[in-house]
Protein backbone atom coordinates (compact mmCIF):
# COMPACT_ATOMS: atom_id res chain seq x y z
CA GLU A 1 23.30 31.78 39.09
CA ILE A 2 21.07 33.12 36.33
CA LEU A 3 20.50 31.69 32.89
CA THR A 4 21.75 34.23 30.37
CA VAL A 5 20.73 35.59 27.01
CA THR A 6 24.09 35.60 25.23
CA GLY A 7 25.72 36.97 28.35
CA VAL A 8 22.97 39.27 29.67
CA GLN A 9 21.34 38.19 32.92
CA THR A 10 17.70 38.76 32.03
CA CYS A 11 16.12 35.32 32.44
CA ALA A 12 14.65 33.83 35.59
CA LEU A 13 15.80 30.28 34.85
CA PRO A 14 18.54 29.26 37.30
CA ILE A 15 21.41 27.17 36.02
CA SER A 16 25.14 26.74 36.57
CA LYS A 17 27.04 26.04 33.38
CA SER A 18 30.47 26.39 34.96
CA ASP A 19 29.93 23.93 37.83
CA GLY A 20 31.16 20.49 36.87
CA THR A 21 30.03 18.71 40.04
CA GLU A 22 26.37 18.14 39.15
CA ASP A 23 25.26 14.54 39.78
CA ARG A 24 22.50 12.32 38.49
CA THR A 25 21.25 9.04 39.91
CA ILE A 26 19.27 6.56 37.80
CA ASN A 27 17.41 3.53 39.17
CA ASP A 28 15.83 1.04 36.75
CA LEU A 29 13.50 -1.82 37.61
CA LEU A 30 12.16 -4.45 35.22
CA PHE A 31 9.43 -7.01 35.84
CA GLY A 32 8.72 -9.59 33.17
CA ILE A 33 6.80 -12.75 32.47
CA THR A 34 7.11 -15.16 29.54
CA GLN A 35 4.33 -17.61 28.80
CA VAL A 36 4.20 -20.53 26.38
CA ILE A 37 0.66 -20.38 24.98
CA ASN A 38 1.03 -23.50 22.86
CA ARG A 39 3.74 -25.30 20.88
CA ASN A 40 3.79 -22.50 18.27
CA TRP A 41 3.04 -19.36 20.27
CA LEU A 42 5.27 -17.61 22.81
CA MET A 43 4.18 -14.42 24.60
CA GLN A 44 6.21 -11.99 26.73
CA LEU A 45 5.01 -9.10 28.92
CA ASN A 46 7.40 -6.64 30.63
CA TYR A 47 6.86 -3.62 32.85
CA SER A 48 9.74 -1.26 33.57
CA VAL A 49 10.16 1.90 35.62
CA SER A 50 13.10 4.30 35.51
CA ILE A 51 13.61 7.00 38.15
CA SER A 52 16.24 9.65 37.49
CA ASP A 53 17.16 12.35 40.03
CA GLY A 54 19.69 15.14 39.60
CA TYR A 55 21.07 17.06 36.66
CA GLN A 56 18.99 16.34 33.54
CA THR A 57 19.88 19.40 31.44
CA ASP A 58 22.00 19.19 28.30
CA PRO A 59 24.49 22.07 28.82
CA TYR A 60 25.06 22.43 25.06
CA LYS A 61 21.42 22.89 24.02
CA ILE A 62 20.09 26.40 23.43
CA VAL A 63 16.69 28.00 22.73
CA THR A 64 16.35 30.88 20.28
CA VAL A 65 14.77 34.12 21.51
CA VAL A 66 12.26 35.62 19.05
CA ASP A 67 10.05 38.69 18.78
CA ALA A 68 6.24 38.82 18.65
CA ASN A 69 6.34 37.87 14.95
CA GLY A 70 8.51 34.81 15.56
CA ASP A 71 11.66 36.34 14.05
CA PRO A 72 14.97 35.67 15.87
CA LEU A 73 16.26 38.62 17.87
CA GLU A 74 19.78 39.96 17.83
CA ALA A 75 22.11 39.62 20.80
CA GLU A 76 23.00 43.31 20.48
CA SER A 77 19.44 44.21 21.48
CA PHE A 78 20.22 42.74 24.90
CA GLY A 79 23.57 44.51 25.12
CA ALA A 80 25.55 41.35 24.36
CA ALA A 81 28.28 40.72 21.80
CA ASP A 82 27.32 40.07 18.19
CA ILE A 83 28.09 36.49 17.20
CA GLY A 84 25.87 36.23 14.13
CA VAL A 85 22.46 36.92 12.65
CA GLY A 86 19.54 36.12 14.99
CA ASP A 87 21.96 35.10 17.75
CA ALA A 88 19.92 35.91 20.87
CA HIS A 89 19.38 32.70 22.82
CA ILE A 90 19.13 31.12 26.26
CA PHE A 91 20.47 27.81 27.46
CA GLU A 92 17.89 25.10 28.14
CA LEU A 93 16.86 23.96 31.61
CA ARG A 94 15.05 20.71 32.33
CA PRO A 95 13.39 19.46 35.55
CA ASP A 96 15.75 17.88 38.08
CA SER A 97 13.90 14.54 38.12
CA ARG A 98 12.21 12.20 35.67
CA THR A 99 10.13 9.06 36.14
CA LYS A 100 9.41 6.85 33.14
CA ASN A 101 6.98 3.92 33.01
CA ALA A 102 6.97 1.48 30.11
CA LEU A 103 4.94 -1.57 29.14
CA TYR A 104 6.23 -3.99 26.50
CA TRP A 105 4.23 -6.84 24.95
CA GLU A 106 5.71 -9.27 22.42
CA ASN A 107 4.29 -12.27 20.60
CA ARG A 108 6.25 -14.81 18.57
CA TYR A 109 4.47 -17.36 16.43
CA HIS A 110 6.20 -20.26 14.69
CA PHE A 111 4.47 -21.46 11.54
CA ASN A 112 5.55 -24.64 9.78
CA ARG A 113 8.87 -22.98 8.91
CA ASP A 114 8.52 -19.21 9.19
CA VAL A 115 8.41 -17.10 12.36
CA LEU A 116 6.37 -13.95 13.01
CA ALA A 117 7.38 -11.56 15.83
CA VAL A 118 5.17 -8.60 16.83
CA GLY A 119 6.10 -6.25 19.68
CA TYR A 120 4.40 -3.16 21.12
CA ARG A 121 5.82 -0.71 23.67
CA PHE A 122 4.02 2.11 25.47
CA MET A 123 5.97 4.67 27.50
CA SER A 124 4.92 7.68 29.56
CA ASP A 125 6.79 9.97 31.93
CA ASP A 126 6.17 12.88 34.26
CA TRP A 127 7.57 15.33 31.69
CA GLY A 128 4.38 14.86 29.68
CA ILE A 129 5.91 12.61 27.02
CA THR A 130 4.07 9.52 25.79
CA SER A 131 5.28 7.21 23.05
CA HIS A 132 4.11 4.18 21.09
CA THR A 133 6.40 1.71 19.31
CA LEU A 134 5.21 -1.10 17.05
CA ASP A 135 7.79 -3.57 15.79
CA VAL A 136 7.04 -6.34 13.28
CA LYS A 137 9.46 -8.98 11.96
CA TYR A 138 8.74 -11.92 9.68
CA ARG A 139 11.40 -14.55 9.08
CA PHE A 140 11.20 -16.57 5.89
CA GLN A 141 13.09 -19.84 6.40
CA PHE A 142 14.51 -21.39 3.23
CA ASP A 143 16.37 -24.60 2.47
CA ASN A 144 20.00 -25.16 3.41
CA GLY A 145 19.81 -22.79 6.39
CA TRP A 146 19.15 -19.58 4.48
CA PHE A 147 16.63 -17.07 5.84
CA LEU A 148 15.24 -13.63 4.95
CA GLN A 149 13.74 -11.36 7.61
CA PRO A 150 11.92 -8.12 6.66
CA HIS A 151 11.44 -5.66 9.51
CA VAL A 152 9.12 -2.66 10.04
CA ARG A 153 9.29 -0.36 13.08
CA TRP A 154 6.83 2.50 13.68
CA TYR A 155 7.38 5.08 16.42
CA GLU A 156 5.25 8.02 17.59
CA GLN A 157 6.03 10.43 20.43
CA GLY A 158 4.31 13.43 22.01
CA GLU A 159 6.22 16.48 23.21
CA ALA A 160 7.33 17.35 26.73
CA ASP A 161 5.36 19.94 28.70
CA PHE A 162 8.28 22.36 28.60
CA TYR A 163 9.26 21.82 24.94
CA ARG A 164 9.43 25.05 22.94
CA GLU A 165 11.01 25.57 19.52
CA SER A 166 11.71 29.16 20.56
CA VAL A 167 10.80 31.64 23.30
CA SER A 168 9.68 35.23 23.09
CA ALA A 169 11.49 37.98 24.94
CA ALA A 170 8.28 38.62 26.90
CA ASP A 171 8.32 35.04 28.26
CA LEU A 172 11.90 35.04 29.52
CA ASN A 173 11.07 35.91 33.12
CA THR A 174 8.07 33.56 33.39
CA LEU A 175 9.63 30.24 32.33
CA ASP A 176 10.60 27.61 34.89
CA GLU A 177 11.93 25.00 32.42
CA VAL A 178 12.40 25.05 28.68
CA SER A 179 14.09 22.99 25.97
CA ALA A 180 14.14 23.05 22.18
CA ASP A 181 15.76 19.61 21.91
CA TYR A 182 13.93 17.86 19.04
CA ARG A 183 14.20 14.57 20.93
CA LEU A 184 11.66 15.98 23.42
CA GLY A 185 9.25 17.19 20.73
CA ASN A 186 6.56 15.56 18.61
CA LEU A 187 8.03 12.80 16.49
CA THR A 188 6.74 10.16 14.10
CA ASP A 189 9.16 7.77 12.42
CA THR A 190 8.98 4.57 10.37
CA THR A 191 12.00 2.33 9.85
CA TYR A 192 12.22 -0.44 7.27
CA GLY A 193 14.85 -3.14 7.31
CA VAL A 194 15.76 -6.56 6.02
CA LYS A 195 18.18 -9.21 7.19
CA LEU A 196 19.65 -12.00 5.06
CA GLY A 197 21.51 -14.82 6.70
CA LYS A 198 22.54 -18.45 6.73
CA GLN A 199 22.72 -20.93 9.58
CA TRP A 200 25.40 -23.64 9.71
CA LYS A 201 25.14 -26.53 12.10
CA LYS A 202 28.80 -26.54 13.07
CA ILE A 203 30.13 -22.99 12.67
CA GLY A 204 27.07 -20.90 13.63
CA ARG A 205 25.31 -18.16 11.70
CA ALA A 206 26.29 -15.28 9.42
CA SER A 207 23.95 -12.44 8.41
CA CYS A 208 23.84 -8.95 6.96
CA ARG A 209 21.27 -6.22 7.66
CA GLU A 210 20.07 -3.12 5.86
CA ARG A 211 17.81 -0.39 7.34
CA VAL A 212 16.15 2.67 5.84
């Protein structure tokens, strides 16, 4: 079958949106080691690989078709029905396999009372995406079991080889894969959080968390 521009078969990307029998197989492997450096310092190192084969495309994601100036085209220009302004689009198509490799390194250090946890994760895949995640937590331990734990998480990601915010009409017959899903594009994000809790010897722990 042929990927369509609002109903007109003009694109060379093959896809079946009506076939509900597409399968995907995912295999995940994790190798890890935890080492006690000294009585205060604990270190963990993990390597993981994820291999996914089969249908990877999101059937509900579309890519806008634009002209040479970057303005969205109309579906009527392709002989299709009018469903709105700038409504010419194609459905996305992703590769039928994906292999991800990730390395995670975490250190936890126990001071006299407080605890510092620092984690770093690097991920890369054969779609061209690489990402870096830095996670820092510091737990302030107070009297009577109370504790306060601020949290900062920084994330940066590069875009996939086939990521496009839009496609031009001239490119329709030359694309093999394409997606405008923002989750596959460049992304930088910082998350701040804090947790307040109390530990009881007999009944356990209660806490509340807030993130921004």
